[in-house]
N, C-alpha and C. Protein backbone atom coordinates (compact mmCIF):
# COMPACT_ATOMS: atom_id res chain seq x y z
N MET A 1 79.44 121.79 33.95
CA MET A 1 80.41 120.75 34.02
C MET A 1 81.65 121.20 34.78
N LYS A 2 82.10 122.43 34.47
CA LYS A 2 83.26 122.95 35.16
C LYS A 2 82.97 123.16 36.63
N ARG A 3 81.75 123.54 36.93
CA ARG A 3 81.38 123.78 38.31
C ARG A 3 81.44 122.49 39.12
N ARG A 4 81.00 121.37 38.54
CA ARG A 4 81.04 120.07 39.21
C ARG A 4 82.47 119.63 39.48
N SER A 5 83.30 119.75 38.50
CA SER A 5 84.69 119.33 38.67
C SER A 5 85.42 120.24 39.67
N ARG A 6 85.05 121.51 39.68
CA ARG A 6 85.66 122.42 40.63
C ARG A 6 85.24 122.06 42.06
N ARG A 7 83.96 121.74 42.28
CA ARG A 7 83.49 121.33 43.60
C ARG A 7 84.18 120.04 44.03
N ARG A 8 84.31 119.13 43.12
CA ARG A 8 84.98 117.86 43.42
C ARG A 8 86.44 118.11 43.79
N SER A 9 87.09 118.99 43.07
CA SER A 9 88.49 119.32 43.35
C SER A 9 88.63 119.96 44.73
N VAL A 10 87.70 120.85 45.07
CA VAL A 10 87.74 121.50 46.37
C VAL A 10 87.51 120.48 47.47
N ARG A 11 86.60 119.57 47.28
CA ARG A 11 86.33 118.52 48.28
C ARG A 11 87.55 117.62 48.46
N VAL A 12 88.16 117.24 47.38
CA VAL A 12 89.35 116.38 47.46
C VAL A 12 90.48 117.12 48.17
N LEU A 13 90.68 118.37 47.85
CA LEU A 13 91.73 119.15 48.49
C LEU A 13 91.45 119.33 49.99
N LEU A 14 90.19 119.59 50.34
CA LEU A 14 89.84 119.71 51.76
C LEU A 14 90.06 118.40 52.50
N LEU A 15 89.67 117.30 51.86
CA LEU A 15 89.88 115.99 52.47
C LEU A 15 91.37 115.71 52.67
N LEU A 16 92.18 116.03 51.70
CA LEU A 16 93.62 115.84 51.82
C LEU A 16 94.22 116.74 52.91
N ALA A 17 93.72 117.96 53.01
CA ALA A 17 94.21 118.89 54.02
C ALA A 17 93.87 118.38 55.43
N VAL A 18 92.65 117.88 55.59
CA VAL A 18 92.24 117.34 56.89
C VAL A 18 93.07 116.10 57.23
N ALA A 19 93.28 115.23 56.26
CA ALA A 19 94.07 114.01 56.50
C ALA A 19 95.50 114.38 56.87
N LEU A 20 96.07 115.37 56.18
CA LEU A 20 97.42 115.81 56.50
C LEU A 20 97.49 116.41 57.91
N ALA A 21 96.50 117.20 58.28
CA ALA A 21 96.47 117.80 59.61
C ALA A 21 96.37 116.73 60.69
N VAL A 22 95.55 115.73 60.47
CA VAL A 22 95.40 114.64 61.44
C VAL A 22 96.73 113.89 61.56
N ALA A 23 97.38 113.63 60.43
CA ALA A 23 98.65 112.91 60.45
C ALA A 23 99.72 113.72 61.20
N VAL A 24 99.76 115.00 60.97
CA VAL A 24 100.77 115.84 61.63
C VAL A 24 100.53 115.91 63.13
N ILE A 25 99.29 115.90 63.55
CA ILE A 25 98.97 116.02 64.97
C ILE A 25 99.14 114.69 65.70
N PHE A 26 98.63 113.60 65.13
CA PHE A 26 98.55 112.35 65.87
C PHE A 26 99.71 111.39 65.66
N LEU A 27 100.42 111.46 64.57
CA LEU A 27 101.52 110.53 64.37
C LEU A 27 102.66 110.72 65.37
N PRO A 28 103.03 111.93 65.73
CA PRO A 28 104.08 112.04 66.76
C PRO A 28 103.65 111.47 68.10
N LEU A 29 102.36 111.46 68.38
CA LEU A 29 101.87 110.92 69.65
C LEU A 29 101.96 109.40 69.69
N ARG A 30 102.01 108.76 68.54
CA ARG A 30 102.01 107.31 68.48
C ARG A 30 103.41 106.71 68.55
N ARG A 31 104.42 107.54 68.71
CA ARG A 31 105.78 107.01 68.79
C ARG A 31 105.86 106.02 69.93
N GLU A 32 106.61 104.97 69.70
CA GLU A 32 106.74 103.95 70.73
C GLU A 32 107.58 104.48 71.88
N GLN A 33 107.11 104.17 73.07
CA GLN A 33 107.84 104.56 74.26
C GLN A 33 108.99 103.58 74.46
N PRO A 34 110.13 104.07 74.91
CA PRO A 34 111.25 103.14 75.13
C PRO A 34 110.89 102.15 76.22
N GLU A 35 111.29 100.92 76.00
CA GLU A 35 110.97 99.86 76.96
C GLU A 35 111.87 100.01 78.18
N LEU A 36 111.25 100.02 79.34
CA LEU A 36 112.00 100.18 80.57
C LEU A 36 112.62 98.86 80.97
N GLN A 37 113.88 98.92 81.31
CA GLN A 37 114.58 97.72 81.76
C GLN A 37 114.41 97.58 83.27
N PRO A 38 114.13 96.36 83.73
CA PRO A 38 113.98 96.19 85.18
C PRO A 38 115.31 96.44 85.88
N VAL A 39 115.22 97.10 87.00
CA VAL A 39 116.41 97.42 87.77
C VAL A 39 116.56 96.38 88.87
N ALA A 40 117.76 95.84 88.99
CA ALA A 40 118.01 94.84 90.02
C ALA A 40 117.93 95.51 91.39
N ALA A 41 117.32 94.81 92.31
CA ALA A 41 117.18 95.34 93.66
C ALA A 41 118.55 95.47 94.30
N HIS A 42 118.74 96.56 94.99
CA HIS A 42 120.01 96.81 95.67
C HIS A 42 120.12 95.88 96.87
N LYS A 43 121.21 95.18 96.93
CA LYS A 43 121.42 94.27 98.05
C LYS A 43 122.08 95.07 99.18
N PRO A 44 121.35 95.31 100.27
CA PRO A 44 121.92 96.13 101.34
C PRO A 44 123.11 95.44 101.99
N GLU A 45 124.04 96.26 102.40
CA GLU A 45 125.21 95.74 103.07
C GLU A 45 124.84 95.36 104.50
N ALA A 46 125.40 94.27 104.96
CA ALA A 46 125.12 93.80 106.31
C ALA A 46 126.45 93.47 106.98
N PRO A 47 126.48 93.58 108.29
CA PRO A 47 127.69 93.15 109.00
C PRO A 47 127.94 91.66 108.74
N PRO A 48 129.19 91.23 108.82
CA PRO A 48 129.51 89.83 108.50
C PRO A 48 128.72 88.82 109.33
N ASP A 49 128.45 89.14 110.60
CA ASP A 49 127.71 88.18 111.41
C ASP A 49 126.25 88.05 110.97
N LEU A 50 125.71 89.09 110.34
CA LEU A 50 124.34 89.00 109.83
C LEU A 50 124.30 88.38 108.44
N GLU A 51 125.38 88.52 107.71
CA GLU A 51 125.43 87.98 106.34
C GLU A 51 125.19 86.48 106.35
N LYS A 52 125.70 85.81 107.37
CA LYS A 52 125.52 84.35 107.42
C LYS A 52 124.07 83.97 107.75
N LEU A 53 123.27 84.91 108.27
CA LEU A 53 121.86 84.62 108.59
C LEU A 53 120.92 84.94 107.42
N ARG A 54 121.44 85.58 106.38
CA ARG A 54 120.60 86.04 105.27
C ARG A 54 119.82 84.90 104.61
N GLU A 55 120.47 83.78 104.35
CA GLU A 55 119.79 82.67 103.66
C GLU A 55 118.63 82.12 104.48
N ARG A 56 118.85 81.94 105.77
CA ARG A 56 117.76 81.41 106.61
C ARG A 56 116.61 82.40 106.71
N PHE A 57 116.95 83.68 106.84
CA PHE A 57 115.91 84.70 106.94
C PHE A 57 115.08 84.77 105.66
N THR A 58 115.74 84.79 104.50
CA THR A 58 114.99 84.85 103.23
C THR A 58 114.18 83.57 103.01
N ALA A 59 114.69 82.43 103.49
CA ALA A 59 113.90 81.20 103.39
C ALA A 59 112.63 81.30 104.23
N GLY A 60 112.74 81.92 105.41
CA GLY A 60 111.56 82.11 106.26
C GLY A 60 110.56 83.06 105.64
N VAL A 61 111.05 84.15 105.04
CA VAL A 61 110.15 85.10 104.37
C VAL A 61 109.48 84.43 103.18
N ASP A 62 110.22 83.63 102.43
CA ASP A 62 109.63 82.91 101.30
C ASP A 62 108.53 81.96 101.78
N ALA A 63 108.76 81.29 102.89
CA ALA A 63 107.73 80.40 103.44
C ALA A 63 106.48 81.18 103.82
N LEU A 64 106.66 82.37 104.37
CA LEU A 64 105.51 83.21 104.70
C LEU A 64 104.73 83.59 103.44
N GLN A 65 105.45 83.95 102.39
CA GLN A 65 104.78 84.35 101.16
C GLN A 65 104.07 83.19 100.49
N ARG A 66 104.55 81.99 100.69
CA ARG A 66 103.87 80.80 100.15
C ARG A 66 102.65 80.43 100.98
N GLY A 67 102.56 80.99 102.18
CA GLY A 67 101.43 80.67 103.06
C GLY A 67 101.71 79.50 103.97
N ASP A 68 102.96 79.08 104.08
CA ASP A 68 103.35 77.96 104.93
C ASP A 68 103.81 78.51 106.28
N GLY A 69 102.86 78.78 107.17
CA GLY A 69 103.16 79.41 108.45
C GLY A 69 104.00 78.56 109.37
N VAL A 70 103.77 77.25 109.37
CA VAL A 70 104.52 76.36 110.27
C VAL A 70 106.00 76.37 109.90
N ALA A 71 106.29 76.26 108.62
CA ALA A 71 107.68 76.27 108.18
C ALA A 71 108.31 77.64 108.42
N ALA A 72 107.54 78.71 108.24
CA ALA A 72 108.07 80.06 108.46
C ALA A 72 108.46 80.25 109.92
N VAL A 73 107.61 79.79 110.84
CA VAL A 73 107.92 79.92 112.27
C VAL A 73 109.15 79.09 112.61
N ARG A 74 109.23 77.89 112.07
CA ARG A 74 110.37 77.02 112.35
C ARG A 74 111.67 77.65 111.85
N ILE A 75 111.65 78.19 110.64
CA ILE A 75 112.86 78.76 110.05
C ILE A 75 113.23 80.07 110.73
N LEU A 76 112.25 80.95 110.91
CA LEU A 76 112.56 82.26 111.49
C LEU A 76 112.92 82.18 112.97
N SER A 77 112.42 81.18 113.68
CA SER A 77 112.80 81.06 115.09
C SER A 77 114.23 80.55 115.23
N SER A 78 114.80 80.01 114.17
CA SER A 78 116.19 79.56 114.23
C SER A 78 117.18 80.70 114.01
N VAL A 79 116.67 81.87 113.61
CA VAL A 79 117.55 83.03 113.40
C VAL A 79 117.87 83.62 114.77
N ASP A 80 119.17 83.68 115.07
CA ASP A 80 119.61 84.16 116.39
C ASP A 80 120.58 85.32 116.18
N PHE A 81 120.31 86.43 116.84
CA PHE A 81 121.17 87.60 116.73
C PHE A 81 122.30 87.59 117.75
N GLY A 82 122.35 86.60 118.57
CA GLY A 82 123.42 86.50 119.56
C GLY A 82 123.22 87.52 120.67
N SER A 83 124.33 88.10 121.10
CA SER A 83 124.27 89.03 122.24
C SER A 83 123.90 90.46 121.81
N ARG A 84 123.82 90.72 120.53
CA ARG A 84 123.50 92.07 120.05
C ARG A 84 122.01 92.36 120.21
N ALA A 85 121.72 93.59 120.51
CA ALA A 85 120.31 94.03 120.56
C ALA A 85 119.84 94.26 119.15
N VAL A 86 118.61 93.94 118.88
CA VAL A 86 118.06 94.10 117.53
C VAL A 86 118.09 95.55 117.09
N GLU A 87 117.97 96.47 118.03
CA GLU A 87 117.96 97.90 117.70
C GLU A 87 119.25 98.35 117.03
N GLN A 88 120.34 97.65 117.26
CA GLN A 88 121.61 98.02 116.63
C GLN A 88 121.57 97.85 115.11
N TYR A 89 120.68 97.02 114.61
CA TYR A 89 120.63 96.71 113.18
C TYR A 89 119.74 97.66 112.40
N ARG A 90 118.99 98.49 113.06
CA ARG A 90 118.06 99.39 112.36
C ARG A 90 118.75 100.64 111.91
């Protein structure tokens, strides 16, 4: 009788030891990761003469992304850099 209860006690203790070891190893791994906040896109600085063209240009790019090629060509062809060479803006 004592032998049976001793075996049962050893089994219970081993089971508890294994459960404790699993908890110690895996619970720290389950910590929630901090939620990343979206970062606002940096608005690049532009010369004042280009700043006034920003709305038309972004409207043309939006039309391209929507798949409306005719509207994109119409809007983007209205963007005029004047006498400046485009290379100056790069």
